[in-house]
Amino acid sequence: MNDQQRRRPAKQHRRPKKDPVRFLAFEALRAVDERDAYANLVLPPLLKKARAKGDFDGRDAALATELVYGTLRRQGTYDAIVAACIDRPLREVDPPVLDVIEMGVHQLLGTRIPTHAAVSASVELARVVLGEGRAKFVNAVLRKVSAHDLDGWLERVAPAYDEDAEEHLSVVHSHPRWVVSALWDALGGGRAGIEDLLEADNERPEVTLVARPGRSTTDELLAALGEERGLAGRWSPYAVRMAEGGEPGALTAVQEGRAGVQDEGSQLVAAALAQAPVEGRDSRWLDGCAGPGGKAALLGALAAARGATLLAAEKQPHRARLVERALAGNPGPYQVITADGTRPPWQPGSFDRVLMDVPCSGLGALRRRPEARWRRRPQDLESFAPLQRGLLREALKAVRVGGVVGYATCSPHLAETRVVVEDVLKGRGGAGAEAEWVDARPLLPGVPALGDGPDIQLWPHLHGTDAMYLALLRRTA
């Protein structure tokens, strides 16, 4: 080595620049993975903090939201693509590295961000959160991914539909294979319907507001939003849809609890139960699984309009507090209690109407909680099954003869819907009160594609709602 070489200074490495948008999105993805958090609970406080610091404007928040939700929704597809670009099993890639890579893949294949910007921004993020060595690996993988567009990659990594229809749909539409199979069974029909459903699961849902009767009106909400930002609901008389990018919390009616955010399918379930014919008195209503309180708030308002009282019961104390908050200011009498619906403190035959919106897999709300599809397992349904049947049996005992029970789930899985109801009606697994089906379809006037009845299954691709299920049962003895 000569003197000139000895005197040459060491190469200075440029300090990586932190991109606040992508760094925040990465934080949210890590919280979902490490803490089993839900993006819809993790992201808002992160965005609020970033706005308070002055780091974000509206466009930044929109991009961060797209990066988080888009990466989670398309994770199955991106897993298959990344696996084709590396020389090791995907499970051997450290989760933080995979998060950076797949967020980069989403920018490349799922947004209009230019290729060079998507790659360079992802590599820069990797330098900040992973270090220089791993950043090189991220760069190499994303360079390979950028060689093809999404359609080109799907031709390479997804089996042909004719060879393996369920696996094809699983890879192309980013749902676990068992979920594809379960949804297809529940939906019935051929290829077009299931593809429409899976595509709808991967679309960003609208924000829907509910005007709680006696406290607010849809006209008030529409006037507050203006013509460009507000649309009437499709099916619920209490619904108003918000244009993309709107902030519900900015509305006075929402701040005061006179209106709230509630999917239109959830509104329809409460409205149908409230309209179901009962024999005799109609003065005592029960919401037996009331948390977090959306349906309870609407039921409470509808009950008040008729001079009826609502008892809202919720097993988890923190969720019971949410119910109290949702019902605060209700114009009629109500009570919120912390109670287990399978071991109820009320006497049999106490109520005229009972709603039992049971805990379930949540497969009907994959648009809103995309990470749930990767978190749930088929065996989870086995753990829900005894609880769902037990809650329905107790609901039928809680209602008086001639009264009506609504059994609801935010899942279309047959094992959580019609199979549960049929088992309870036939006395399988335990004795219950005798009951008969009530045709729920006439109670949702104007809503199309409700099937053969008597129960109702709503669908994202057909109704623009979560996949809510409702069975109405009248106690006969």
Protein backbone atom coordinates (compact mmCIF):
# COMPACT_ATOMS: atom_id res chain seq x y z
CA MET A 1 0.00 0.00 0.00
CA ASN A 2 1.54 3.37 -1.03
CA ASP A 3 1.42 6.60 0.98
CA GLN A 4 -1.41 8.05 -1.10
CA GLN A 5 -3.59 5.00 -0.36
CA ARG A 6 -2.77 5.22 3.35
CA ARG A 7 -3.82 8.89 3.45
CA ARG A 8 -7.11 8.36 1.56
CA PRO A 9 -9.98 8.95 4.01
CA ALA A 10 -12.43 6.15 4.67
CA LYS A 11 -15.58 6.28 2.57
CA GLN A 12 -18.28 8.22 4.38
CA HIS A 13 -21.65 6.47 4.50
CA ARG A 14 -24.60 8.77 3.98
CA ARG A 15 -26.86 8.89 6.99
CA PRO A 16 -30.26 7.43 6.04
CA LYS A 17 -33.11 9.91 5.90
CA LYS A 18 -36.23 9.06 7.85
CA ASP A 19 -39.43 9.25 5.80
CA PRO A 20 -42.18 9.97 8.38
CA VAL A 21 -44.97 8.49 6.23
CA ARG A 22 -43.31 5.14 5.58
CA PHE A 23 -41.83 4.98 9.06
CA LEU A 24 -45.30 5.40 10.58
CA ALA A 25 -46.74 2.74 8.26
CA PHE A 26 -43.93 0.39 9.29
CA GLU A 27 -44.68 1.06 12.99
CA ALA A 28 -48.32 0.17 12.42
CA LEU A 29 -47.46 -3.06 10.60
CA ARG A 30 -45.09 -4.10 13.37
CA ALA A 31 -47.80 -3.48 15.99
CA VAL A 32 -50.22 -5.68 14.04
CA ASP A 33 -47.65 -8.46 13.83
CA GLU A 34 -46.02 -8.26 17.25
CA ARG A 35 -48.99 -7.41 19.47
CA ASP A 36 -51.84 -8.95 17.47
CA ALA A 37 -53.22 -5.43 17.26
CA TYR A 38 -55.81 -4.33 14.73
CA ALA A 39 -54.80 -1.71 12.20
CA ASN A 40 -58.05 0.22 12.64
CA LEU A 41 -57.15 0.68 16.33
CA VAL A 42 -53.40 1.23 15.94
CA LEU A 43 -53.33 3.62 13.00
CA PRO A 44 -55.61 6.51 14.13
CA PRO A 45 -53.58 7.43 17.25
CA LEU A 46 -50.34 7.25 15.26
CA LEU A 47 -51.80 9.59 12.63
CA LYS A 48 -53.14 11.93 15.30
CA LYS A 49 -49.73 12.15 16.94
CA ALA A 50 -48.02 12.80 13.60
CA ARG A 51 -50.47 15.59 12.77
CA ALA A 52 -49.94 17.15 16.19
CA LYS A 53 -46.17 17.22 15.59
CA GLY A 54 -46.70 18.86 12.21
CA ASP A 55 -45.19 15.92 10.30
CA PHE A 56 -48.34 15.07 8.32
CA ASP A 57 -50.91 16.68 6.11
CA GLY A 58 -54.01 15.03 4.65
CA ARG A 59 -52.15 13.51 1.69
CA ASP A 60 -49.50 12.02 3.97
CA ALA A 61 -52.18 10.44 6.17
CA ALA A 62 -53.92 9.00 3.10
CA LEU A 63 -50.67 7.47 1.84
CA ALA A 64 -49.79 5.96 5.22
CA THR A 65 -53.28 4.48 5.46
CA GLU A 66 -53.02 2.99 1.99
CA LEU A 67 -49.60 1.49 2.71
CA VAL A 68 -50.83 -0.20 5.89
CA TYR A 69 -54.18 -1.48 4.70
CA GLY A 70 -53.01 -2.32 1.18
CA THR A 71 -50.09 -4.36 2.49
CA LEU A 72 -52.30 -6.25 4.94
CA ARG A 73 -55.06 -6.93 2.40
CA ARG A 74 -52.67 -8.22 -0.25
CA GLN A 75 -50.31 -10.04 2.09
CA GLY A 76 -51.12 -13.49 0.71
CA THR A 77 -50.47 -12.43 -2.87
CA TYR A 78 -47.29 -10.60 -1.91
CA ASP A 79 -46.07 -13.58 0.12
CA ALA A 80 -46.26 -15.74 -3.00
CA ILE A 81 -44.42 -13.16 -5.10
CA VAL A 82 -41.65 -12.55 -2.56
CA ALA A 83 -41.21 -16.31 -2.09
CA ALA A 84 -40.51 -16.56 -5.82
CA CYS A 85 -37.78 -13.90 -5.52
CA ILE A 86 -35.71 -15.32 -2.67
CA ASP A 87 -33.62 -18.46 -2.20
CA ARG A 88 -34.92 -19.41 1.24
CA PRO A 89 -38.31 -20.31 2.74
CA LEU A 90 -40.38 -17.25 3.49
CA ARG A 91 -40.66 -18.22 7.15
CA GLU A 92 -36.89 -17.73 7.50
CA VAL A 93 -37.12 -14.04 6.64
CA ASP A 94 -37.30 -11.93 9.78
CA PRO A 95 -40.79 -10.38 10.13
CA PRO A 96 -39.56 -6.73 10.22
CA VAL A 97 -37.63 -7.34 7.00
CA LEU A 98 -40.68 -8.92 5.40
CA ASP A 99 -42.83 -5.95 6.44
CA VAL A 100 -40.49 -3.51 4.68
CA ILE A 101 -40.32 -5.72 1.59
CA GLU A 102 -44.06 -6.27 1.29
CA MET A 103 -44.81 -2.61 1.87
CA GLY A 104 -42.40 -1.98 -1.01
CA VAL A 105 -44.12 -4.63 -3.12
CA HIS A 106 -47.45 -2.91 -2.52
CA GLN A 107 -45.99 0.38 -3.72
CA LEU A 108 -44.66 -1.36 -6.83
CA LEU A 109 -47.69 -3.48 -7.72
CA GLY A 110 -50.65 -1.89 -5.94
CA THR A 111 -50.16 1.88 -6.29
CA ARG A 112 -49.18 4.44 -8.92
CA ILE A 113 -45.92 5.27 -7.19
CA PRO A 114 -43.14 5.17 -9.85
CA THR A 115 -40.88 2.13 -9.70
CA HIS A 116 -37.69 4.03 -8.89
CA ALA A 117 -39.41 5.94 -6.09
CA ALA A 118 -41.00 2.81 -4.61
CA VAL A 119 -37.68 0.96 -4.54
CA SER A 120 -35.53 3.85 -3.31
CA ALA A 121 -38.01 4.84 -0.58
CA SER A 122 -38.26 1.23 0.64
CA VAL A 123 -34.49 0.80 0.71
CA GLU A 124 -34.12 4.07 2.59
CA LEU A 125 -36.69 2.87 5.14
CA ALA A 126 -34.75 -0.38 5.47
CA ARG A 127 -31.56 1.57 6.21
CA VAL A 128 -33.36 3.43 9.00
CA VAL A 129 -35.14 0.50 10.66
CA LEU A 130 -33.07 -2.54 9.67
CA GLY A 131 -29.51 -1.41 8.92
CA GLU A 132 -27.35 -1.28 5.82
CA GLY A 133 -26.85 -5.02 5.37
CA ARG A 134 -30.54 -5.89 5.36
CA ALA A 135 -31.27 -2.86 3.19
CA LYS A 136 -29.19 -4.50 0.45
CA PHE A 137 -31.36 -7.61 0.69
CA VAL A 138 -34.52 -5.47 0.47
CA ASN A 139 -33.09 -3.73 -2.60
CA ALA A 140 -32.27 -7.01 -4.32
CA VAL A 141 -35.73 -8.47 -3.73
CA LEU A 142 -37.59 -5.36 -4.86
CA ARG A 143 -35.48 -5.11 -8.01
CA LYS A 144 -36.64 -8.62 -8.91
CA VAL A 145 -40.25 -7.79 -8.09
CA SER A 146 -40.14 -4.70 -10.29
CA ALA A 147 -39.43 -6.85 -13.36
CA HIS A 148 -43.15 -7.63 -13.77
CA ASP A 149 -46.48 -5.99 -13.04
CA LEU A 150 -49.12 -7.62 -10.82
CA ASP A 151 -50.81 -9.53 -13.65
CA GLY A 152 -47.45 -10.81 -14.82
CA TRP A 153 -46.60 -12.07 -11.35
CA LEU A 154 -49.98 -13.73 -10.87
CA GLU A 155 -49.45 -15.71 -14.05
CA ARG A 156 -46.21 -16.97 -12.55
CA VAL A 157 -47.17 -17.71 -8.93
CA ALA A 158 -50.87 -18.65 -9.00
CA PRO A 159 -51.95 -22.10 -10.20
CA ALA A 160 -54.41 -22.17 -13.07
CA TYR A 161 -58.05 -21.98 -12.01
CA ASP A 162 -58.83 -25.22 -13.84
CA GLU A 163 -56.06 -27.05 -11.97
CA ASP A 164 -56.84 -25.84 -8.44
CA ALA A 165 -59.67 -23.33 -8.23
CA GLU A 166 -59.42 -22.63 -4.48
CA GLU A 167 -55.66 -22.11 -4.49
CA HIS A 168 -55.92 -19.92 -7.58
CA LEU A 169 -58.49 -17.71 -5.85
CA SER A 170 -56.46 -17.75 -2.64
CA VAL A 171 -53.30 -16.40 -4.31
CA VAL A 172 -54.98 -14.01 -6.76
CA HIS A 173 -57.34 -12.49 -4.19
CA SER A 174 -55.15 -12.80 -1.09
CA HIS A 175 -57.34 -14.90 1.22
CA PRO A 176 -56.26 -18.08 3.05
CA ARG A 177 -57.45 -21.13 1.19
CA TRP A 178 -59.72 -22.29 4.03
CA VAL A 179 -61.44 -18.88 4.04
CA VAL A 180 -61.99 -19.07 0.28
CA SER A 181 -63.55 -22.49 0.72
CA ALA A 182 -65.80 -21.38 3.60
CA LEU A 183 -67.00 -18.23 1.83
CA TRP A 184 -67.68 -20.16 -1.36
CA ASP A 185 -69.76 -22.72 0.55
CA ALA A 186 -71.78 -19.97 2.20
CA LEU A 187 -72.26 -18.01 -1.00
CA GLY A 188 -72.96 -20.92 -3.34
CA GLY A 189 -72.93 -20.43 -7.09
CA GLY A 190 -70.07 -20.41 -9.54
CA ARG A 191 -66.83 -18.56 -10.09
CA ALA A 192 -68.17 -15.06 -10.74
CA GLY A 193 -69.87 -14.65 -7.38
CA ILE A 194 -66.93 -15.78 -5.26
CA GLU A 195 -64.50 -13.64 -7.23
CA ASP A 196 -66.73 -10.60 -6.79
CA LEU A 197 -66.91 -11.27 -3.05
CA LEU A 198 -63.14 -11.71 -2.64
CA GLU A 199 -62.50 -8.55 -4.66
CA ALA A 200 -64.96 -6.64 -2.48
CA ASP A 201 -63.08 -7.83 0.62
CA ASN A 202 -59.97 -6.13 -0.77
CA GLU A 203 -61.62 -2.76 -1.39
CA ARG A 204 -61.58 0.08 1.11
CA PRO A 205 -65.05 0.29 2.69
CA GLU A 206 -67.04 3.48 2.85
CA VAL A 207 -67.47 5.25 6.15
CA THR A 208 -71.16 5.01 7.02
CA LEU A 209 -72.87 7.11 9.67
CA VAL A 210 -76.04 6.34 11.59
CA ALA A 211 -78.48 9.07 12.58
CA ARG A 212 -79.93 7.83 15.86
CA PRO A 213 -83.72 8.33 15.80
CA GLY A 214 -85.03 11.03 18.09
CA ARG A 215 -81.55 12.50 18.41
CA SER A 216 -80.44 13.21 14.87
CA THR A 217 -81.67 12.87 11.28
CA THR A 218 -80.10 11.92 7.98
CA ASP A 219 -81.02 15.38 6.70
CA GLU A 220 -78.94 16.95 9.47
CA LEU A 221 -75.94 14.78 8.63
CA LEU A 222 -76.28 15.38 4.88
CA ALA A 223 -76.51 19.12 5.44
CA ALA A 224 -73.41 19.06 7.65
CA LEU A 225 -71.45 17.08 5.07
CA GLY A 226 -72.64 18.97 2.00
CA GLU A 227 -73.52 17.58 -1.42
CA GLU A 228 -69.95 16.64 -2.33
CA ARG A 229 -69.17 14.74 0.88
CA GLY A 230 -72.44 13.07 1.87
CA LEU A 231 -74.72 10.50 0.26
CA ALA A 232 -77.88 8.86 1.52
CA GLY A 233 -77.55 5.25 2.64
CA ARG A 234 -78.44 2.52 0.20
CA TRP A 235 -80.79 0.51 2.41
CA SER A 236 -81.02 1.77 5.98
CA PRO A 237 -83.30 4.77 6.60
CA TYR A 238 -80.81 5.93 9.26
CA ALA A 239 -77.65 5.74 7.11
CA VAL A 240 -75.50 8.41 5.50
CA ARG A 241 -72.39 7.54 3.50
CA MET A 242 -69.31 9.74 3.66
CA ALA A 243 -67.06 10.57 0.74
CA GLU A 244 -63.52 9.19 0.94
CA GLY A 245 -61.26 11.19 3.22
CA GLY A 246 -64.03 12.57 5.41
CA GLU A 247 -63.52 12.80 9.18
CA PRO A 248 -66.60 11.59 11.11
CA GLY A 249 -65.33 13.00 14.39
CA ALA A 250 -65.50 16.52 12.97
CA LEU A 251 -69.32 16.40 12.83
CA THR A 252 -71.17 17.97 15.74
CA ALA A 253 -73.79 15.20 15.83
CA VAL A 254 -71.05 12.57 16.14
CA GLN A 255 -69.20 14.54 18.80
CA GLU A 256 -72.41 14.77 20.82
CA GLY A 257 -73.27 11.07 20.39
CA ARG A 258 -76.47 11.81 18.49
CA ALA A 259 -74.96 10.04 15.46
CA GLY A 260 -72.19 7.50 15.11
CA VAL A 261 -70.14 5.41 12.72
CA GLN A 262 -71.94 2.14 11.97
CA ASP A 263 -71.90 -0.17 8.96
CA GLU A 264 -75.19 -0.24 7.12
CA GLY A 265 -75.48 -4.01 7.58
CA SER A 266 -75.26 -3.57 11.33
CA GLN A 267 -77.99 -0.94 11.16
CA LEU A 268 -80.22 -3.29 9.17
CA VAL A 269 -79.88 -6.05 11.76
CA ALA A 270 -81.06 -3.75 14.55
CA ALA A 271 -83.84 -2.26 12.41
CA ALA A 272 -85.15 -5.69 11.36
CA LEU A 273 -85.34 -6.91 14.95
CA ALA A 274 -87.14 -3.71 15.96
CA GLN A 275 -89.73 -4.20 13.17
CA ALA A 276 -90.36 -7.91 13.69
CA PRO A 277 -93.97 -8.54 14.77
CA VAL A 278 -94.46 -9.64 18.38
CA GLU A 279 -97.61 -10.83 20.07
CA GLY A 280 -98.87 -8.72 22.95
CA ARG A 281 -96.78 -6.26 24.93
CA ASP A 282 -93.65 -4.62 23.52
CA SER A 283 -92.01 -2.79 26.39
CA ARG A 284 -88.78 -4.60 27.36
CA TRP A 285 -85.86 -5.12 24.98
CA LEU A 286 -82.51 -6.83 25.58
CA ASP A 287 -79.17 -6.58 23.78
CA GLY A 288 -77.39 -9.57 25.25
CA CYS A 289 -73.92 -9.06 23.68
CA ALA A 290 -73.97 -5.29 23.47
CA GLY A 291 -70.29 -4.32 23.09
CA PRO A 292 -69.02 -2.08 21.66
CA GLY A 293 -72.45 -0.46 21.49
CA GLY A 294 -73.39 0.47 17.94
CA LYS A 295 -76.45 -1.76 17.69
CA ALA A 296 -77.38 -1.03 21.31
CA ALA A 297 -77.42 2.72 20.62
CA LEU A 298 -79.70 2.28 17.61
CA LEU A 299 -81.95 -0.20 19.43
CA GLY A 300 -82.13 2.13 22.41
CA ALA A 301 -83.28 5.00 20.22
CA LEU A 302 -85.87 2.82 18.46
CA ALA A 303 -87.11 1.46 21.79
CA ALA A 304 -87.44 4.96 23.22
CA ALA A 305 -89.64 6.01 20.30
CA ARG A 306 -92.13 3.33 21.39
CA GLY A 307 -91.87 3.90 25.09
CA ALA A 308 -89.88 0.67 25.59
CA THR A 309 -86.81 0.19 27.78
CA LEU A 310 -83.50 -1.38 26.73
CA LEU A 311 -81.22 -3.51 28.87
CA ALA A 312 -77.73 -3.71 27.33
CA ALA A 313 -75.55 -6.50 28.74
CA GLU A 314 -71.87 -6.99 27.98
CA LYS A 315 -69.53 -9.53 29.56
CA GLN A 316 -66.27 -7.55 29.24
CA PRO A 317 -66.10 -4.50 31.55
CA HIS A 318 -64.10 -2.34 29.12
CA ARG A 319 -66.61 -3.06 26.36
CA ALA A 320 -69.49 -2.34 28.74
CA ARG A 321 -67.99 1.11 29.23
CA LEU A 322 -68.06 1.62 25.47
CA VAL A 323 -71.73 0.67 25.47
CA GLU A 324 -72.41 3.22 28.20
CA ARG A 325 -70.69 5.87 26.12
CA ALA A 326 -72.69 4.94 23.00
CA LEU A 327 -76.00 5.06 24.88
CA ALA A 328 -75.27 8.25 26.83
CA GLY A 329 -77.99 10.79 26.17
CA ASN A 330 -80.47 8.25 24.84
CA PRO A 331 -83.94 9.84 25.08
CA GLY A 332 -85.60 6.83 26.67
CA PRO A 333 -84.90 4.65 29.73
CA TYR A 334 -82.06 2.17 29.44
CA GLN A 335 -79.60 0.28 31.62
CA VAL A 336 -76.11 -1.06 30.90
CA ILE A 337 -74.82 -3.97 32.97
CA THR A 338 -71.73 -6.17 32.94
CA ALA A 339 -73.10 -9.70 32.61
CA ASP A 340 -72.42 -13.02 30.87
CA GLY A 341 -75.24 -13.89 28.50
CA THR A 342 -74.66 -17.61 29.07
CA ARG A 343 -75.23 -17.12 32.84
CA PRO A 344 -77.78 -14.33 32.83
CA PRO A 345 -78.92 -12.41 35.91
CA TRP A 346 -82.40 -11.80 34.45
CA GLN A 347 -85.40 -14.05 34.87
CA PRO A 348 -86.63 -16.28 32.01
CA GLY A 349 -89.34 -14.76 29.85
CA SER A 350 -88.45 -11.20 30.87
CA PHE A 351 -88.17 -9.59 27.44
CA ASP A 352 -90.25 -8.96 24.35
CA ARG A 353 -87.31 -8.57 21.96
CA VAL A 354 -83.78 -9.92 22.34
CA LEU A 355 -80.75 -9.31 20.15
CA MET A 356 -77.84 -11.74 20.50
CA ASP A 357 -74.99 -10.55 18.27
CA VAL A 358 -72.61 -13.34 19.21
CA PRO A 359 -68.80 -13.43 19.24
CA CYS A 360 -67.58 -14.96 15.97
CA SER A 361 -64.67 -15.26 13.58
CA GLY A 362 -65.33 -11.85 12.03
CA LEU A 363 -65.00 -13.18 8.49
CA GLY A 364 -67.77 -10.83 7.45
CA ALA A 365 -65.69 -7.73 8.19
CA LEU A 366 -62.48 -8.53 6.32
CA ARG A 367 -62.76 -5.22 4.45
CA ARG A 368 -62.33 -3.37 7.75
CA ARG A 369 -59.98 -5.78 9.51
CA PRO A 370 -57.86 -7.32 6.76
CA GLU A 371 -55.37 -8.79 9.23
CA ALA A 372 -58.13 -11.02 10.66
CA ARG A 373 -57.97 -13.29 7.62
CA TRP A 374 -54.34 -14.17 8.43
CA ARG A 375 -54.95 -14.42 12.17
CA ARG A 376 -57.96 -16.74 12.20
CA ARG A 377 -57.66 -20.53 11.90
CA PRO A 378 -60.34 -23.15 11.11
CA GLN A 379 -60.09 -24.48 14.66
CA ASP A 380 -61.18 -21.06 15.99
CA LEU A 381 -64.71 -21.88 14.85
CA GLU A 382 -64.71 -24.92 17.12
CA SER A 383 -63.99 -22.70 20.12
CA PHE A 384 -66.79 -20.28 19.19
CA ALA A 385 -69.38 -23.02 18.57
CA PRO A 386 -70.36 -23.85 22.20
CA LEU A 387 -70.52 -20.16 23.11
CA GLN A 388 -72.72 -19.27 20.14
CA ARG A 389 -75.16 -22.09 20.85
CA GLY A 390 -75.21 -21.31 24.55
CA LEU A 391 -75.97 -17.64 23.93
CA LEU A 392 -78.78 -18.44 21.52
CA ARG A 393 -80.35 -20.94 23.93
CA GLU A 394 -80.27 -18.38 26.73
CA ALA A 395 -81.71 -15.71 24.43
CA LEU A 396 -84.69 -17.95 23.67
CA LYS A 397 -85.19 -18.51 27.39
CA ALA A 398 -84.93 -14.77 28.07
CA VAL A 399 -87.73 -13.83 25.65
CA ARG A 400 -91.35 -14.44 26.57
CA VAL A 401 -93.69 -16.64 24.53
CA GLY A 402 -94.70 -14.63 21.47
CA GLY A 403 -91.55 -12.49 21.64
CA VAL A 404 -88.74 -12.45 19.08
CA VAL A 405 -85.01 -13.21 19.21
CA GLY A 406 -82.51 -11.96 16.67
CA TYR A 407 -79.39 -14.14 16.31
CA ALA A 408 -76.69 -12.17 14.50
CA THR A 409 -73.07 -12.65 13.50
CA CYS A 410 -70.55 -10.68 11.49
CA SER A 411 -69.61 -13.87 9.69
CA PRO A 412 -71.16 -15.71 6.76
CA HIS A 413 -69.54 -19.02 7.70
CA LEU A 414 -72.28 -21.66 7.75
CA ALA A 415 -70.87 -23.17 10.96
CA GLU A 416 -71.52 -19.85 12.71
CA THR A 417 -74.86 -19.00 11.13
CA ARG A 418 -77.60 -21.36 9.98
CA VAL A 419 -75.99 -24.48 11.44
CA VAL A 420 -76.02 -22.91 14.91
CA VAL A 421 -79.68 -21.91 14.64
CA GLU A 422 -80.79 -25.30 13.31
CA ASP A 423 -78.88 -27.13 16.04
CA VAL A 424 -80.50 -25.06 18.79
CA LEU A 425 -83.98 -25.39 17.30
CA LYS A 426 -83.54 -29.16 17.14
CA GLY A 427 -82.34 -29.32 20.75
CA ARG A 428 -78.82 -30.49 19.91
CA GLY A 429 -76.30 -29.91 22.65
CA GLY A 430 -78.79 -28.82 25.30
CA ALA A 431 -82.40 -28.05 25.97
CA GLY A 432 -83.81 -24.73 24.83
CA ALA A 433 -87.14 -23.00 24.54
CA GLU A 434 -89.29 -23.95 21.57
CA ALA A 435 -89.28 -21.45 18.72
CA GLU A 436 -90.09 -20.99 15.04
CA TRP A 437 -88.43 -19.12 12.22
CA VAL A 438 -89.65 -15.65 11.31
CA ASP A 439 -89.06 -14.62 7.69
CA ALA A 440 -86.71 -11.64 8.05
CA ARG A 441 -86.69 -10.61 4.40
CA PRO A 442 -89.88 -8.49 4.41
CA LEU A 443 -88.39 -6.48 7.28
CA LEU A 444 -85.66 -5.15 4.98
CA PRO A 445 -87.77 -3.47 2.29
CA GLY A 446 -85.93 -2.60 -0.88
CA VAL A 447 -82.87 -4.71 -0.09
CA PRO A 448 -82.24 -7.09 -3.02
CA ALA A 449 -80.63 -10.53 -3.24
CA LEU A 450 -81.71 -11.80 0.18
CA GLY A 451 -81.97 -15.40 -0.93
CA ASP A 452 -84.61 -17.99 -0.08
CA GLY A 453 -84.96 -17.00 3.58
CA PRO A 454 -86.19 -17.15 6.20
CA ASP A 455 -82.83 -15.90 7.47
CA ILE A 456 -80.78 -13.12 5.89
CA GLN A 457 -77.18 -13.04 4.72
CA LEU A 458 -75.79 -9.69 3.57
CA TRP A 459 -72.69 -9.49 1.35
CA PRO A 460 -70.08 -6.81 0.60
CA HIS A 461 -70.27 -7.33 -3.18
CA LEU A 462 -74.09 -7.45 -3.34
CA HIS A 463 -75.10 -4.93 -0.69
CA GLY A 464 -72.01 -2.83 0.02
CA THR A 465 -72.18 -3.87 3.68
CA ASP A 466 -70.26 -6.18 5.97
CA ALA A 467 -71.36 -9.81 5.61
CA MET A 468 -73.87 -9.68 8.47
CA TYR A 469 -76.14 -12.63 9.19
CA LEU A 470 -79.53 -12.45 10.91
CA ALA A 471 -81.99 -15.13 11.95
CA LEU A 472 -85.27 -14.12 13.63
CA LEU A 473 -86.98 -16.63 15.90
CA ARG A 474 -90.31 -16.36 17.69
CA ARG A 475 -90.66 -18.26 20.96
CA THR A 476 -93.66 -20.57 20.82
CA ALA A 477 -93.54 -22.33 24.20
